[in-house]
ModelCIF file with pLDDT and N, C-alpha, C, O atoms, coordinates in Angstrom:
data_MODEL
#
_entry.id   MODEL 
#
_entity.id                         1 
_entity.type                       polymer 
_entity.pdbx_number_of_molecules   1 
#
_entity_poly.entity_id                      1 
_entity_poly.type                           'polypeptide(L)' 
_entity_poly.nstd_linkage                   no 
_entity_poly.nstd_monomer                   no 
_entity_poly.pdbx_seq_one_letter_code       LQLYFLCAHPSLTPASAVALTLRAVGGLTTRQIA 
_entity_poly.pdbx_seq_one_letter_code_can   LQLYFLCAHPSLTPASAVALTLRAVGGLTTRQIA 
_entity_poly.pdbx_strand_id                 A 
#
loop_
_entity_poly_seq.entity_id 
_entity_poly_seq.num 
_entity_poly_seq.mon_id 
_entity_poly_seq.hetero 
1 1  LEU n 
1 2  GLN n 
1 3  LEU n 
1 4  TYR n 
1 5  PHE n 
1 6  LEU n 
1 7  CYS n 
1 8  ALA n 
1 9  HIS n 
1 10 PRO n 
1 11 SER n 
1 12 LEU n 
1 13 THR n 
1 14 PRO n 
1 15 ALA n 
1 16 SER n 
1 17 ALA n 
1 18 VAL n 
1 19 ALA n 
1 20 LEU n 
1 21 THR n 
1 22 LEU n 
1 23 ARG n 
1 24 ALA n 
1 25 VAL n 
1 26 GLY n 
1 27 GLY n 
1 28 LEU n 
1 29 THR n 
1 30 THR n 
1 31 ARG n 
1 32 GLN n 
1 33 ILE n 
1 34 ALA n 
#
_struct_asym.id          A 
_struct_asym.entity_id   1 
#
loop_
_ma_qa_metric.id 
_ma_qa_metric.mode 
_ma_qa_metric.name 
_ma_qa_metric.software_group_id 
_ma_qa_metric.type 
1 global pLDDT . pLDDT 
2 local  pLDDT . pLDDT 
#
_ma_qa_metric_global.metric_id      1 
_ma_qa_metric_global.metric_value   74.44 
_ma_qa_metric_global.model_id       1 
_ma_qa_metric_global.ordinal_id     1 
#
loop_
_ma_qa_metric_local.label_asym_id 
_ma_qa_metric_local.label_comp_id 
_ma_qa_metric_local.label_seq_id 
_ma_qa_metric_local.metric_id 
_ma_qa_metric_local.metric_value 
_ma_qa_metric_local.model_id 
_ma_qa_metric_local.ordinal_id 
A LEU 1  2 77.00 1 1  
A GLN 2  2 75.00 1 2  
A LEU 3  2 73.00 1 3  
A TYR 4  2 76.00 1 4  
A PHE 5  2 78.00 1 5  
A LEU 6  2 73.00 1 6  
A CYS 7  2 73.00 1 7  
A ALA 8  2 73.00 1 8  
A HIS 9  2 72.00 1 9  
A PRO 10 2 73.00 1 10 
A SER 11 2 74.00 1 11 
A LEU 12 2 76.00 1 12 
A THR 13 2 74.00 1 13 
A PRO 14 2 71.00 1 14 
A ALA 15 2 74.00 1 15 
A SER 16 2 78.00 1 16 
A ALA 17 2 77.00 1 17 
A VAL 18 2 75.00 1 18 
A ALA 19 2 79.00 1 19 
A LEU 20 2 78.00 1 20 
A THR 21 2 75.00 1 21 
A LEU 22 2 74.00 1 22 
A ARG 23 2 76.00 1 23 
A ALA 24 2 72.00 1 24 
A VAL 25 2 69.00 1 25 
A GLY 26 2 65.00 1 26 
A GLY 27 2 66.00 1 27 
A LEU 28 2 69.00 1 28 
A THR 29 2 75.00 1 29 
A THR 30 2 79.00 1 30 
A ARG 31 2 80.00 1 31 
A GLN 32 2 75.00 1 32 
A ILE 33 2 78.00 1 33 
A ALA 34 2 79.00 1 34 
#
loop_
_atom_site.group_PDB 
_atom_site.id 
_atom_site.type_symbol 
_atom_site.label_atom_id 
_atom_site.label_alt_id 
_atom_site.label_comp_id 
_atom_site.label_asym_id 
_atom_site.label_entity_id 
_atom_site.label_seq_id 
_atom_site.pdbx_PDB_ins_code 
_atom_site.Cartn_x 
_atom_site.Cartn_y 
_atom_site.Cartn_z 
_atom_site.occupancy 
_atom_site.B_iso_or_equiv 
_atom_site.pdbx_formal_charge 
_atom_site.auth_seq_id 
_atom_site.auth_comp_id 
_atom_site.auth_asym_id 
_atom_site.auth_atom_id 
_atom_site.pdbx_PDB_model_num 
ATOM 1   N N  . LEU A 1 1  ? 189.172 62.358 154.564 1.00 77.00 ? 1  LEU A N  1 
ATOM 2   C CA . LEU A 1 1  ? 190.228 62.751 153.631 1.00 77.00 ? 1  LEU A CA 1 
ATOM 3   C C  . LEU A 1 1  ? 191.166 61.580 153.339 1.00 77.00 ? 1  LEU A C  1 
ATOM 4   O O  . LEU A 1 1  ? 191.606 61.399 152.204 1.00 77.00 ? 1  LEU A O  1 
ATOM 5   N N  . GLN A 1 2  ? 191.471 60.783 154.375 1.00 75.00 ? 2  GLN A N  1 
ATOM 6   C CA . GLN A 1 2  ? 192.302 59.602 154.169 1.00 75.00 ? 2  GLN A CA 1 
ATOM 7   C C  . GLN A 1 2  ? 191.644 58.632 153.204 1.00 75.00 ? 2  GLN A C  1 
ATOM 8   O O  . GLN A 1 2  ? 192.320 58.005 152.389 1.00 75.00 ? 2  GLN A O  1 
ATOM 9   N N  . LEU A 1 3  ? 190.323 58.508 153.295 1.00 73.00 ? 3  LEU A N  1 
ATOM 10  C CA . LEU A 1 3  ? 189.609 57.604 152.405 1.00 73.00 ? 3  LEU A CA 1 
ATOM 11  C C  . LEU A 1 3  ? 189.662 58.099 150.960 1.00 73.00 ? 3  LEU A C  1 
ATOM 12  O O  . LEU A 1 3  ? 189.708 57.299 150.026 1.00 73.00 ? 3  LEU A O  1 
ATOM 13  N N  . TYR A 1 4  ? 189.654 59.419 150.783 1.00 76.00 ? 4  TYR A N  1 
ATOM 14  C CA . TYR A 1 4  ? 189.821 59.967 149.429 1.00 76.00 ? 4  TYR A CA 1 
ATOM 15  C C  . TYR A 1 4  ? 191.146 59.485 148.837 1.00 76.00 ? 4  TYR A C  1 
ATOM 16  O O  . TYR A 1 4  ? 191.201 59.082 147.675 1.00 76.00 ? 4  TYR A O  1 
ATOM 17  N N  . PHE A 1 5  ? 192.204 59.527 149.634 1.00 78.00 ? 5  PHE A N  1 
ATOM 18  C CA . PHE A 1 5  ? 193.507 59.082 149.135 1.00 78.00 ? 5  PHE A CA 1 
ATOM 19  C C  . PHE A 1 5  ? 193.525 57.585 148.872 1.00 78.00 ? 5  PHE A C  1 
ATOM 20  O O  . PHE A 1 5  ? 194.129 57.131 147.900 1.00 78.00 ? 5  PHE A O  1 
ATOM 21  N N  . LEU A 1 6  ? 192.866 56.817 149.731 1.00 73.00 ? 6  LEU A N  1 
ATOM 22  C CA . LEU A 1 6  ? 192.832 55.374 149.522 1.00 73.00 ? 6  LEU A CA 1 
ATOM 23  C C  . LEU A 1 6  ? 192.106 55.004 148.236 1.00 73.00 ? 6  LEU A C  1 
ATOM 24  O O  . LEU A 1 6  ? 192.501 54.071 147.536 1.00 73.00 ? 6  LEU A O  1 
ATOM 25  N N  . CYS A 1 7  ? 191.037 55.742 147.928 1.00 73.00 ? 7  CYS A N  1 
ATOM 26  C CA . CYS A 1 7  ? 190.284 55.454 146.699 1.00 73.00 ? 7  CYS A CA 1 
ATOM 27  C C  . CYS A 1 7  ? 191.057 55.853 145.444 1.00 73.00 ? 7  CYS A C  1 
ATOM 28  O O  . CYS A 1 7  ? 190.826 55.306 144.365 1.00 73.00 ? 7  CYS A O  1 
ATOM 29  N N  . ALA A 1 8  ? 191.978 56.810 145.590 1.00 73.00 ? 8  ALA A N  1 
ATOM 30  C CA . ALA A 1 8  ? 192.797 57.226 144.446 1.00 73.00 ? 8  ALA A CA 1 
ATOM 31  C C  . ALA A 1 8  ? 193.963 56.251 144.288 1.00 73.00 ? 8  ALA A C  1 
ATOM 32  O O  . ALA A 1 8  ? 195.125 56.658 144.266 1.00 73.00 ? 8  ALA A O  1 
ATOM 33  N N  . HIS A 1 9  ? 193.642 54.963 144.180 1.00 72.00 ? 9  HIS A N  1 
ATOM 34  C CA . HIS A 1 9  ? 194.634 53.894 144.196 1.00 72.00 ? 9  HIS A CA 1 
ATOM 35  C C  . HIS A 1 9  ? 195.427 53.856 142.894 1.00 72.00 ? 9  HIS A C  1 
ATOM 36  O O  . HIS A 1 9  ? 194.866 54.097 141.825 1.00 72.00 ? 9  HIS A O  1 
ATOM 37  N N  . PRO A 1 10 ? 196.739 53.555 142.969 1.00 73.00 ? 10 PRO A N  1 
ATOM 38  C CA . PRO A 1 10 ? 197.562 53.525 141.749 1.00 73.00 ? 10 PRO A CA 1 
ATOM 39  C C  . PRO A 1 10 ? 197.083 52.537 140.695 1.00 73.00 ? 10 PRO A C  1 
ATOM 40  O O  . PRO A 1 10 ? 197.399 52.689 139.515 1.00 73.00 ? 10 PRO A O  1 
ATOM 41  N N  . SER A 1 11 ? 196.314 51.511 141.112 1.00 74.00 ? 11 SER A N  1 
ATOM 42  C CA . SER A 1 11 ? 195.844 50.527 140.135 1.00 74.00 ? 11 SER A CA 1 
ATOM 43  C C  . SER A 1 11 ? 194.711 51.068 139.268 1.00 74.00 ? 11 SER A C  1 
ATOM 44  O O  . SER A 1 11 ? 194.321 50.427 138.292 1.00 74.00 ? 11 SER A O  1 
ATOM 45  N N  . LEU A 1 12 ? 194.181 52.239 139.613 1.00 76.00 ? 12 LEU A N  1 
ATOM 46  C CA . LEU A 1 12 ? 193.092 52.846 138.851 1.00 76.00 ? 12 LEU A CA 1 
ATOM 47  C C  . LEU A 1 12 ? 193.604 54.019 138.021 1.00 76.00 ? 12 LEU A C  1 
ATOM 48  O O  . LEU A 1 12 ? 194.556 54.699 138.404 1.00 76.00 ? 12 LEU A O  1 
ATOM 49  N N  . THR A 1 13 ? 192.962 54.244 136.886 1.00 74.00 ? 13 THR A N  1 
ATOM 50  C CA . THR A 1 13 ? 193.235 55.470 136.150 1.00 74.00 ? 13 THR A CA 1 
ATOM 51  C C  . THR A 1 13 ? 192.681 56.642 136.958 1.00 74.00 ? 13 THR A C  1 
ATOM 52  O O  . THR A 1 13 ? 191.768 56.444 137.761 1.00 74.00 ? 13 THR A O  1 
ATOM 53  N N  . PRO A 1 14 ? 193.205 57.856 136.772 1.00 71.00 ? 14 PRO A N  1 
ATOM 54  C CA . PRO A 1 14 ? 192.669 59.004 137.512 1.00 71.00 ? 14 PRO A CA 1 
ATOM 55  C C  . PRO A 1 14 ? 191.165 59.168 137.338 1.00 71.00 ? 14 PRO A C  1 
ATOM 56  O O  . PRO A 1 14 ? 190.461 59.461 138.305 1.00 71.00 ? 14 PRO A O  1 
ATOM 57  N N  . ALA A 1 15 ? 190.657 58.981 136.106 1.00 74.00 ? 15 ALA A N  1 
ATOM 58  C CA . ALA A 1 15 ? 189.219 59.155 135.870 1.00 74.00 ? 15 ALA A CA 1 
ATOM 59  C C  . ALA A 1 15 ? 188.405 58.131 136.653 1.00 74.00 ? 15 ALA A C  1 
ATOM 60  O O  . ALA A 1 15 ? 187.365 58.469 137.218 1.00 74.00 ? 15 ALA A O  1 
ATOM 61  N N  . SER A 1 16 ? 188.871 56.877 136.692 1.00 78.00 ? 16 SER A N  1 
ATOM 62  C CA . SER A 1 16 ? 188.150 55.841 137.426 1.00 78.00 ? 16 SER A CA 1 
ATOM 63  C C  . SER A 1 16 ? 188.222 56.069 138.928 1.00 78.00 ? 16 SER A C  1 
ATOM 64  O O  . SER A 1 16 ? 187.247 55.841 139.644 1.00 78.00 ? 16 SER A O  1 
ATOM 65  N N  . ALA A 1 17 ? 189.383 56.520 139.405 1.00 77.00 ? 17 ALA A N  1 
ATOM 66  C CA . ALA A 1 17 ? 189.536 56.800 140.831 1.00 77.00 ? 17 ALA A CA 1 
ATOM 67  C C  . ALA A 1 17 ? 188.604 57.916 141.272 1.00 77.00 ? 17 ALA A C  1 
ATOM 68  O O  . ALA A 1 17 ? 187.999 57.841 142.342 1.00 77.00 ? 17 ALA A O  1 
ATOM 69  N N  . VAL A 1 18 ? 188.488 58.954 140.444 1.00 75.00 ? 18 VAL A N  1 
ATOM 70  C CA . VAL A 1 18 ? 187.586 60.057 140.761 1.00 75.00 ? 18 VAL A CA 1 
ATOM 71  C C  . VAL A 1 18 ? 186.144 59.566 140.815 1.00 75.00 ? 18 VAL A C  1 
ATOM 72  O O  . VAL A 1 18 ? 185.412 59.877 141.755 1.00 75.00 ? 18 VAL A O  1 
ATOM 73  N N  . ALA A 1 19 ? 185.740 58.800 139.810 1.00 79.00 ? 19 ALA A N  1 
ATOM 74  C CA . ALA A 1 19 ? 184.363 58.317 139.758 1.00 79.00 ? 19 ALA A CA 1 
ATOM 75  C C  . ALA A 1 19 ? 184.046 57.423 140.949 1.00 79.00 ? 19 ALA A C  1 
ATOM 76  O O  . ALA A 1 19 ? 182.978 57.547 141.548 1.00 79.00 ? 19 ALA A O  1 
ATOM 77  N N  . LEU A 1 20 ? 184.970 56.517 141.300 1.00 78.00 ? 20 LEU A N  1 
ATOM 78  C CA . LEU A 1 20 ? 184.748 55.612 142.419 1.00 78.00 ? 20 LEU A CA 1 
ATOM 79  C C  . LEU A 1 20 ? 184.622 56.385 143.730 1.00 78.00 ? 20 LEU A C  1 
ATOM 80  O O  . LEU A 1 20 ? 183.761 56.077 144.554 1.00 78.00 ? 20 LEU A O  1 
ATOM 81  N N  . THR A 1 21 ? 185.475 57.382 143.924 1.00 75.00 ? 21 THR A N  1 
ATOM 82  C CA . THR A 1 21 ? 185.451 58.154 145.166 1.00 75.00 ? 21 THR A CA 1 
ATOM 83  C C  . THR A 1 21 ? 184.184 58.988 145.268 1.00 75.00 ? 21 THR A C  1 
ATOM 84  O O  . THR A 1 21 ? 183.579 59.076 146.336 1.00 75.00 ? 21 THR A O  1 
ATOM 85  N N  . LEU A 1 22 ? 183.789 59.588 144.179 1.00 74.00 ? 22 LEU A N  1 
ATOM 86  C CA . LEU A 1 22 ? 182.553 60.379 144.199 1.00 74.00 ? 22 LEU A CA 1 
ATOM 87  C C  . LEU A 1 22 ? 181.358 59.513 144.573 1.00 74.00 ? 22 LEU A C  1 
ATOM 88  O O  . LEU A 1 22 ? 180.455 59.958 145.282 1.00 74.00 ? 22 LEU A O  1 
ATOM 89  N N  . ARG A 1 23 ? 181.359 58.281 144.096 1.00 76.00 ? 23 ARG A N  1 
ATOM 90  C CA . ARG A 1 23 ? 180.222 57.392 144.374 1.00 76.00 ? 23 ARG A CA 1 
ATOM 91  C C  . ARG A 1 23 ? 180.292 56.828 145.792 1.00 76.00 ? 23 ARG A C  1 
ATOM 92  O O  . ARG A 1 23 ? 179.294 56.834 146.514 1.00 76.00 ? 23 ARG A O  1 
ATOM 93  N N  . ALA A 1 24 ? 181.457 56.344 146.187 1.00 72.00 ? 24 ALA A N  1 
ATOM 94  C CA . ALA A 1 24 ? 181.568 55.627 147.457 1.00 72.00 ? 24 ALA A CA 1 
ATOM 95  C C  . ALA A 1 24 ? 181.710 56.549 148.656 1.00 72.00 ? 24 ALA A C  1 
ATOM 96  O O  . ALA A 1 24 ? 181.205 56.245 149.737 1.00 72.00 ? 24 ALA A O  1 
ATOM 97  N N  . VAL A 1 25 ? 182.395 57.676 148.475 1.00 69.00 ? 25 VAL A N  1 
ATOM 98  C CA . VAL A 1 25 ? 182.682 58.564 149.602 1.00 69.00 ? 25 VAL A CA 1 
ATOM 99  C C  . VAL A 1 25 ? 181.905 59.869 149.510 1.00 69.00 ? 25 VAL A C  1 
ATOM 100 O O  . VAL A 1 25 ? 181.365 60.352 150.505 1.00 69.00 ? 25 VAL A O  1 
ATOM 101 N N  . GLY A 1 26 ? 181.853 60.436 148.306 1.00 65.00 ? 26 GLY A N  1 
ATOM 102 C CA . GLY A 1 26 ? 181.183 61.718 148.154 1.00 65.00 ? 26 GLY A CA 1 
ATOM 103 C C  . GLY A 1 26 ? 179.672 61.646 148.240 1.00 65.00 ? 26 GLY A C  1 
ATOM 104 O O  . GLY A 1 26 ? 179.009 62.653 148.486 1.00 65.00 ? 26 GLY A O  1 
ATOM 105 N N  . GLY A 1 27 ? 179.119 60.442 148.035 1.00 66.00 ? 27 GLY A N  1 
ATOM 106 C CA . GLY A 1 27 ? 177.677 60.279 148.151 1.00 66.00 ? 27 GLY A CA 1 
ATOM 107 C C  . GLY A 1 27 ? 176.910 60.715 146.924 1.00 66.00 ? 27 GLY A C  1 
ATOM 108 O O  . GLY A 1 27 ? 175.684 60.817 146.981 1.00 66.00 ? 27 GLY A O  1 
ATOM 109 N N  . LEU A 1 28 ? 177.591 60.982 145.800 1.00 69.00 ? 28 LEU A N  1 
ATOM 110 C CA . LEU A 1 28 ? 176.895 61.391 144.585 1.00 69.00 ? 28 LEU A CA 1 
ATOM 111 C C  . LEU A 1 28 ? 176.285 60.179 143.902 1.00 69.00 ? 28 LEU A C  1 
ATOM 112 O O  . LEU A 1 28 ? 176.786 59.061 144.026 1.00 69.00 ? 28 LEU A O  1 
ATOM 113 N N  . THR A 1 29 ? 175.209 60.411 143.187 1.00 75.00 ? 29 THR A N  1 
ATOM 114 C CA . THR A 1 29 ? 174.601 59.335 142.412 1.00 75.00 ? 29 THR A CA 1 
ATOM 115 C C  . THR A 1 29 ? 175.380 59.130 141.120 1.00 75.00 ? 29 THR A C  1 
ATOM 116 O O  . THR A 1 29 ? 176.142 59.999 140.695 1.00 75.00 ? 29 THR A O  1 
ATOM 117 N N  . THR A 1 30 ? 175.180 57.974 140.503 1.00 79.00 ? 30 THR A N  1 
ATOM 118 C CA . THR A 1 30 ? 175.840 57.707 139.227 1.00 79.00 ? 30 THR A CA 1 
ATOM 119 C C  . THR A 1 30 ? 175.432 58.752 138.190 1.00 79.00 ? 30 THR A C  1 
ATOM 120 O O  . THR A 1 30 ? 176.247 59.159 137.362 1.00 79.00 ? 30 THR A O  1 
ATOM 121 N N  . ARG A 1 31 ? 174.180 59.182 138.233 1.00 80.00 ? 31 ARG A N  1 
ATOM 122 C CA . ARG A 1 31 ? 173.717 60.190 137.273 1.00 80.00 ? 31 ARG A CA 1 
ATOM 123 C C  . ARG A 1 31 ? 174.452 61.509 137.462 1.00 80.00 ? 31 ARG A C  1 
ATOM 124 O O  . ARG A 1 31 ? 174.856 62.140 136.485 1.00 80.00 ? 31 ARG A O  1 
ATOM 125 N N  . GLN A 1 32 ? 174.628 61.929 138.714 1.00 75.00 ? 32 GLN A N  1 
ATOM 126 C CA . GLN A 1 32 ? 175.327 63.185 138.962 1.00 75.00 ? 32 GLN A CA 1 
ATOM 127 C C  . GLN A 1 32 ? 176.780 63.115 138.511 1.00 75.00 ? 32 GLN A C  1 
ATOM 128 O O  . GLN A 1 32 ? 177.312 64.078 137.959 1.00 75.00 ? 32 GLN A O  1 
ATOM 129 N N  . ILE A 1 33 ? 177.417 61.975 138.746 1.00 78.00 ? 33 ILE A N  1 
ATOM 130 C CA . ILE A 1 33 ? 178.805 61.825 138.318 1.00 78.00 ? 33 ILE A CA 1 
ATOM 131 C C  . ILE A 1 33 ? 178.890 61.832 136.794 1.00 78.00 ? 33 ILE A C  1 
ATOM 132 O O  . ILE A 1 33 ? 179.806 62.425 136.225 1.00 78.00 ? 33 ILE A O  1 
ATOM 133 N N  . ALA A 1 34 ? 177.945 61.179 136.139 1.00 79.00 ? 34 ALA A N  1 
ATOM 134 C CA . ALA A 1 34 ? 177.925 61.159 134.675 1.00 79.00 ? 34 ALA A CA 1 
ATOM 135 C C  . ALA A 1 34 ? 177.778 62.571 134.113 1.00 79.00 ? 34 ALA A C  1 
ATOM 136 O O  . ALA A 1 34 ? 177.743 62.751 132.896 1.00 79.00 ? 34 ALA A O  1 
#
C-alpha cells in the first residue's frame, strides 16, 4: 500500500500515476491497462 502512494507521485498526472502503478505494482500488462 505504501508503494501505491509512492507511485502516485506529485510530479505525475493522475492518469500517468495510475498507469505506472498498475504496471509496476499491480502486475497488469500494458494491454490490460490500455
